Protein backbone atom coordinates (compact mmCIF):
# COMPACT_ATOMS: atom_id res chain seq x y z
CA MET A 1 -30.09 1.32 -1.69
CA MET A 2 -27.42 -0.18 -3.92
CA ARG A 3 -25.13 -2.65 -2.14
CA ILE A 4 -21.54 -2.73 -3.35
CA LEU A 5 -18.64 -4.97 -2.43
CA VAL A 6 -15.02 -3.89 -2.95
CA ILE A 7 -12.33 -6.59 -2.68
CA LYS A 8 -8.79 -5.64 -1.69
CA LEU A 9 -7.08 -8.21 0.49
CA GLY A 10 -3.57 -6.69 0.74
CA ALA A 11 -0.72 -6.04 0.95
CA LEU A 12 -0.05 -2.56 2.41
CA GLY A 13 1.62 -1.15 -0.72
CA ASP A 14 -1.21 -2.44 -2.88
CA PHE A 15 -3.72 -1.05 -0.38
CA ALA A 16 -2.12 2.40 -0.55
CA GLN A 17 -2.20 2.30 -4.34
CA ALA A 18 -5.93 1.56 -4.17
CA PHE A 19 -6.76 4.80 -2.34
CA GLY A 20 -7.56 6.43 -5.68
CA PRO A 21 -9.88 3.62 -6.84
CA PHE A 22 -11.56 3.55 -3.40
CA ALA A 23 -12.26 7.28 -3.65
CA ALA A 24 -13.50 6.94 -7.24
CA ILE A 25 -15.90 4.13 -6.35
CA ARG A 26 -17.34 6.15 -3.47
CA ALA A 27 -17.69 9.27 -5.65
CA HIS A 28 -19.46 7.24 -8.36
CA HIS A 29 -21.85 5.63 -5.86
CA PRO A 30 -22.47 8.37 -3.26
CA GLY A 31 -25.70 6.85 -1.94
CA ALA A 32 -24.66 3.20 -1.98
CA ARG A 33 -23.77 1.02 0.97
CA ILE A 34 -20.18 0.00 0.30
CA THR A 35 -18.52 -2.95 2.02
CA LEU A 36 -14.81 -3.66 1.82
CA LEU A 37 -13.61 -7.25 1.99
CA THR A 38 -10.03 -7.27 3.23
CA THR A 39 -7.79 -9.05 5.75
CA ARG A 40 -7.11 -8.40 9.41
CA PRO A 41 -3.84 -6.40 9.07
CA TYR A 42 -5.51 -3.73 6.90
CA ALA A 43 -8.96 -3.59 8.49
CA PRO A 44 -7.98 -0.85 11.00
CA LEU A 45 -6.69 1.34 8.17
CA ALA A 46 -9.84 0.74 6.11
CA ARG A 47 -12.11 1.55 9.05
CA MET A 48 -10.49 4.97 9.40
CA ALA A 49 -11.19 5.77 5.76
CA PRO A 50 -14.33 7.65 4.62
CA TRP A 51 -15.01 5.37 1.67
CA PHE A 52 -16.65 2.35 3.31
CA ASP A 53 -19.78 1.78 5.37
CA GLU A 54 -18.56 -1.59 6.56
CA VAL A 55 -15.26 -3.47 6.61
CA TRP A 56 -15.01 -7.26 6.69
CA GLU A 57 -11.63 -8.69 7.66
CA ASP A 58 -12.24 -12.38 6.95
CA GLY A 59 -11.36 -12.15 3.25
CA ARG A 60 -8.61 -14.75 3.02
CA PRO A 61 -9.54 -17.97 4.79
CA SER A 62 -7.34 -20.98 4.11
CA TRP A 63 -8.95 -23.19 1.48
CA THR A 64 -8.29 -26.12 3.83
CA ASP A 65 -10.33 -24.45 6.59
CA ILE A 66 -13.68 -25.58 5.25
CA PRO A 67 -15.79 -24.05 8.07
CA ALA A 68 -14.18 -20.63 7.51
CA VAL A 69 -14.71 -20.85 3.75
CA LEU A 70 -18.34 -21.78 4.29
CA ARG A 71 -18.81 -18.89 6.74
CA LEU A 72 -17.44 -16.43 4.20
CA THR A 73 -19.60 -17.95 1.46
CA ARG A 74 -22.74 -17.62 3.57
CA ARG A 75 -21.86 -14.06 4.50
CA LEU A 76 -21.20 -13.02 0.91
CA ARG A 77 -24.34 -14.71 -0.37
CA ALA A 78 -26.56 -13.28 2.38
CA ALA A 79 -25.42 -9.70 1.71
CA ARG A 80 -27.03 -9.80 -1.75
CA PHE A 81 -24.58 -7.39 -3.31
CA ASP A 82 -25.65 -5.62 -6.50
CA ARG A 83 -22.13 -4.94 -7.80
CA VAL A 84 -18.62 -6.11 -6.96
CA TYR A 85 -15.38 -4.27 -7.72
CA ASP A 86 -12.63 -6.85 -7.44
CA LEU A 87 -9.48 -4.75 -7.08
CA GLN A 88 -7.44 -7.77 -6.01
CA THR A 89 -8.05 -9.52 -9.37
CA SER A 90 -6.32 -12.71 -8.24
CA ALA A 91 -7.26 -16.32 -8.80
CA ARG A 92 -8.58 -16.36 -5.23
CA SER A 93 -10.71 -13.24 -5.46
CA SER A 94 -12.09 -14.30 -8.84
CA ARG A 95 -13.44 -17.48 -7.22
CA TYR A 96 -15.46 -15.30 -4.89
CA ARG A 97 -17.78 -14.51 -7.77
CA LEU A 98 -19.44 -17.88 -7.23
CA MET A 99 -19.56 -17.27 -3.48
CA VAL A 100 -21.22 -13.87 -3.97
CA GLY A 101 -23.69 -15.24 -6.50
CA THR A 102 -23.80 -14.59 -10.21
CA ARG A 103 -26.73 -12.13 -9.96
CA ALA A 104 -24.28 -9.43 -8.88
CA GLU A 105 -22.53 -7.30 -11.50
CA TRP A 106 -18.80 -7.96 -11.38
CA SER A 107 -15.84 -5.76 -12.31
CA GLY A 108 -12.68 -7.81 -12.53
CA ILE A 109 -11.21 -10.76 -14.36
CA ALA A 110 -13.49 -13.54 -13.12
CA ARG A 111 -15.03 -15.75 -15.79
CA GLY A 112 -18.45 -14.45 -16.73
CA ALA A 113 -17.88 -10.98 -15.24
CA SER A 114 -20.46 -8.44 -16.40
CA HIS A 115 -17.78 -5.73 -16.58
CA PRO A 116 -14.55 -7.58 -17.36
CA HIS A 117 -11.21 -5.84 -17.38
CA ALA A 118 -10.64 -6.86 -20.98
CA ASN A 119 -7.21 -5.32 -21.46
CA ARG A 120 -4.73 -7.87 -22.77
CA ASN A 121 -1.86 -5.77 -21.45
CA ARG A 122 -3.22 -5.50 -17.91
CA ASP A 123 -0.30 -7.47 -16.46
CA PHE A 124 2.22 -5.11 -18.04
CA ILE A 125 0.99 -1.73 -16.79
CA HIS A 126 1.42 -0.06 -13.42
CA THR A 127 -1.06 -1.03 -10.72
CA VAL A 128 -2.51 2.48 -10.57
CA GLU A 129 -3.16 2.66 -14.32
CA ARG A 130 -4.43 -0.92 -14.38
CA GLN A 131 -7.02 -0.26 -11.68
CA ARG A 132 -8.11 2.98 -13.30
CA ASP A 133 -8.52 1.21 -16.64
CA GLN A 134 -10.55 -1.50 -14.94
CA LEU A 135 -12.90 1.01 -13.35
CA GLU A 136 -13.29 2.96 -16.59
CA MET A 137 -14.43 -0.25 -18.28
CA ALA A 138 -16.99 -0.56 -15.48
CA GLY A 139 -18.36 2.92 -16.20
CA ILE A 140 -16.44 5.07 -13.71
CA ARG A 141 -15.04 8.21 -15.33
CA ASP A 142 -14.36 10.59 -12.44
CA PHE A 143 -11.19 10.01 -10.42
CA PRO A 144 -10.93 12.63 -7.69
CA GLU A 145 -7.63 13.00 -5.87
CA PRO A 146 -8.14 11.01 -2.66
CA ASP A 147 -8.31 13.20 0.44
CA LEU A 148 -6.11 11.57 3.10
CA SER A 149 -6.64 14.17 5.82
CA TRP A 150 -8.37 11.48 7.89
CA LEU A 151 -5.09 9.56 8.10
CA ASP A 152 -3.20 11.47 10.78
CA ALA A 153 -2.08 11.15 14.39
CA ASP A 154 -0.46 13.01 17.25
CA ILE A 155 3.22 12.05 17.14
CA ALA A 156 4.34 14.39 19.91
CA ARG A 157 5.02 11.34 22.08
CA PHE A 158 8.02 10.49 19.91
CA GLY A 159 9.77 13.75 20.84
CA LEU A 160 11.20 14.23 17.36
CA PRO A 161 13.16 17.29 16.23
CA GLU A 162 11.55 19.82 13.92
CA ARG A 163 13.44 18.47 10.90
CA PHE A 164 14.03 14.80 10.26
CA ALA A 165 14.11 12.26 7.44
CA LEU A 166 12.39 8.87 7.25
CA VAL A 167 14.26 5.66 6.52
CA VAL A 168 12.45 2.40 5.71
CA PRO A 169 15.10 -0.37 5.62
CA GLY A 170 12.82 -3.40 5.74
CA ALA A 171 10.88 -5.41 3.17
CA SER A 172 9.11 -8.73 2.95
CA PRO A 173 11.10 -11.26 5.02
CA GLY A 174 10.68 -13.80 2.25
CA ARG A 175 12.19 -11.50 -0.38
CA PRO A 176 15.67 -10.50 0.82
CA ALA A 177 16.63 -9.21 -2.64
CA LYS A 178 14.25 -6.28 -2.03
CA ARG A 179 16.45 -5.00 0.83
CA TRP A 180 19.26 -2.52 0.33
CA PRO A 181 21.94 -3.36 2.92
CA ALA A 182 21.31 -1.75 6.31
CA GLU A 183 24.97 -0.71 6.50
CA ARG A 184 24.47 1.46 3.43
CA PHE A 185 21.30 2.97 4.85
CA GLY A 186 23.42 3.82 7.89
CA ALA A 187 26.16 5.46 5.84
CA LEU A 188 23.53 7.40 3.90
CA ALA A 189 21.73 8.55 7.06
CA ASP A 190 24.98 9.71 8.60
CA GLY A 191 25.27 12.25 5.79
CA PHE A 192 21.73 13.64 5.93
CA GLY A 193 22.57 16.62 8.11
CA ILE A 194 19.31 15.98 9.99
CA PRO A 195 18.33 13.00 12.16
CA ALA A 196 17.01 9.90 10.44
CA VAL A 197 13.87 8.28 11.86
CA VAL A 198 13.86 4.55 11.16
CA ILE A 199 10.46 2.89 10.90
CA GLY A 200 9.30 -0.66 10.32
CA GLY A 201 7.94 -3.63 12.18
CA PRO A 202 9.43 -5.14 15.34
CA VAL A 203 11.40 -7.67 13.27
CA GLU A 204 13.27 -4.78 11.65
CA ALA A 205 14.79 -3.63 14.97
CA PRO A 206 18.17 -5.23 14.09
CA LEU A 207 18.25 -3.20 10.86
CA ALA A 208 17.59 -0.05 12.87
CA ALA A 209 20.39 -0.96 15.27
CA THR A 210 22.81 -1.25 12.34
CA ILE A 211 21.74 2.17 11.05
CA LEU A 212 22.04 3.79 14.47
CA ALA A 213 25.55 2.39 14.84
CA ALA A 214 26.59 4.37 11.75
CA ALA A 215 24.32 7.38 12.35
CA PRO A 216 24.14 8.01 16.13
CA SER A 217 21.64 10.87 15.75
CA ALA A 218 19.06 8.52 14.22
CA VAL A 219 15.89 7.54 16.09
CA ASP A 220 14.58 3.97 16.18
CA LEU A 221 10.78 3.80 15.90
CA THR A 222 10.59 0.21 14.63
CA GLY A 223 7.62 -1.55 16.15
CA LYS A 224 6.20 1.71 17.52
CA THR A 225 4.15 3.16 14.65
CA GLY A 226 0.69 2.41 13.36
CA PHE A 227 -0.69 3.39 9.98
CA ALA A 228 -1.84 6.83 11.15
CA ASP A 229 1.54 7.46 12.81
CA ILE A 230 3.34 6.67 9.56
CA ALA A 231 1.13 9.12 7.68
CA ALA A 232 1.72 11.81 10.30
CA LEU A 233 5.48 11.25 10.12
CA ALA A 234 5.29 11.43 6.31
CA ARG A 235 3.61 14.84 6.42
CA ARG A 236 6.27 16.25 8.72
CA ALA A 237 9.41 14.62 7.29
CA ALA A 238 11.80 16.44 4.99
CA PHE A 239 12.01 13.33 2.81
CA CYS A 240 11.95 9.53 2.87
CA VAL A 241 14.18 6.83 1.43
CA GLY A 242 13.17 3.19 1.64
CA ASN A 243 12.89 -0.15 -0.04
CA ASP A 244 9.93 -1.30 -2.11
CA THR A 245 7.74 -2.08 0.88
CA GLY A 246 4.33 -1.07 2.22
CA PRO A 247 5.31 1.85 4.48
CA THR A 248 7.30 3.45 1.66
CA HIS A 249 4.18 3.37 -0.53
CA LEU A 250 2.02 4.82 2.24
CA ILE A 251 4.55 7.61 2.90
CA ALA A 252 4.67 8.51 -0.81
CA ALA A 253 0.87 8.59 -1.02
CA CYS A 254 0.80 11.13 1.82
CA GLY A 255 2.90 13.56 -0.21
CA CYS A 256 6.33 13.16 1.37
CA PRO A 257 9.26 13.45 -1.10
CA THR A 258 10.04 9.75 -1.40
CA LEU A 259 12.82 7.78 -3.03
CA ALA A 260 12.11 4.06 -3.36
CA LEU A 261 14.95 1.63 -4.03
CA PHE A 262 14.38 -1.30 -6.38
CA GLY A 263 16.42 -4.32 -7.36
CA GLU A 264 15.69 -7.39 -9.44
CA ASP A 265 12.88 -8.67 -7.25
CA SER A 266 10.22 -6.15 -8.32
CA ASP A 267 9.64 -3.92 -11.31
CA PRO A 268 9.06 -0.20 -10.65
CA ALA A 269 7.28 0.07 -14.00
CA LEU A 270 4.54 -2.04 -12.45
CA CYS A 271 4.56 -1.08 -8.79
CA ALA A 272 6.68 2.00 -7.99
CA PRO A 273 5.22 4.16 -5.20
CA ARG A 274 2.96 6.92 -6.43
CA GLY A 275 2.62 10.34 -4.88
CA PRO A 276 3.05 14.04 -5.64
CA ARG A 277 6.81 13.82 -5.05
CA ALA A 278 7.71 10.15 -5.40
CA THR A 279 10.46 8.66 -7.52
CA PHE A 280 12.58 5.51 -7.62
CA LEU A 281 16.07 4.25 -8.25
CA ARG A 282 16.70 0.77 -9.61
CA HIS A 283 19.92 -1.22 -9.55
CA VAL A 284 20.39 -4.92 -10.27
CA PRO A 285 21.43 -6.36 -7.93
CA LEU A 286 20.14 -3.96 -5.30
CA ALA A 287 23.05 -4.83 -2.99
CA GLY A 288 25.38 -3.29 -5.58
CA LEU A 289 23.76 0.14 -5.40
CA GLU A 290 26.30 2.60 -4.01
CA THR A 291 25.50 5.07 -1.25
CA ALA A 292 26.73 7.97 -3.38
CA GLN A 293 24.19 7.15 -6.09
CA VAL A 294 21.33 7.23 -3.61
CA ALA A 295 22.60 10.46 -2.06
CA ALA A 296 22.76 12.08 -5.49
CA GLU A 297 19.21 11.02 -6.33
CA LEU A 298 17.97 12.35 -2.98
CA ALA A 299 19.65 15.67 -3.73
CA ARG A 300 17.76 15.88 -7.02
CA LEU A 301 14.50 14.98 -5.31
CA THR A 302 14.78 17.46 -2.49
């Protein structure tokens, strides 16, 4: 049996945009044993998916934690993988080629890779196209639409109305320029005509409070939703509007009409959410984007 390693360490948006490559790798190697190397936050999501036989969550040890690095090295070497698909393609993941052992075929950008992603423009194309191009150079030609029916949950416990919209006001704490002001999300939500459901991590509860102050019919679910819950909400929501952040990408991938807001801190040409009904709006600076502009774009989307 062929033993394959797939590397995707994070983050959530990148993970969602790798659903297609994950499905393509599994379709190309139906009888192989496929292991995913990832990190702890995304291991539960990966274990729900039908594409992997095993999920390892120790994929990003600190380089200063020598015992952890050695443990990962021993684990990678002992697995005797036949082929590696490095979908992270970072300096870190490229170093893992030596930890895996050079006998394994390698798809990625590591020096000496047997199937290098030899596209000089790889850093200037969208993540989805870049990963597809990489896999094509490794011999994968079939890219089935990923079936996400496994990613669902019972959300009856939230007691939501039949019609609602999703709002994702958070983003990486270290990148404040990726956040449209919560006050404007609130003004926007107040004009939806249906309740807004605000999602995000526990640290985004103050953003939700600001939105609820402007839109009293809104529902605060920050800190209450797992990955499967977010997907279930996406399938039932009328639409979603959010910043360039992981949940927005996951919602778009599940087919919800999604409008992602971009500023100067990220380029939608490289990383805009992808999905059957996903689009984006960019304004530099993002804080200068007017509520009326977003409302107009939502009207076109829905």
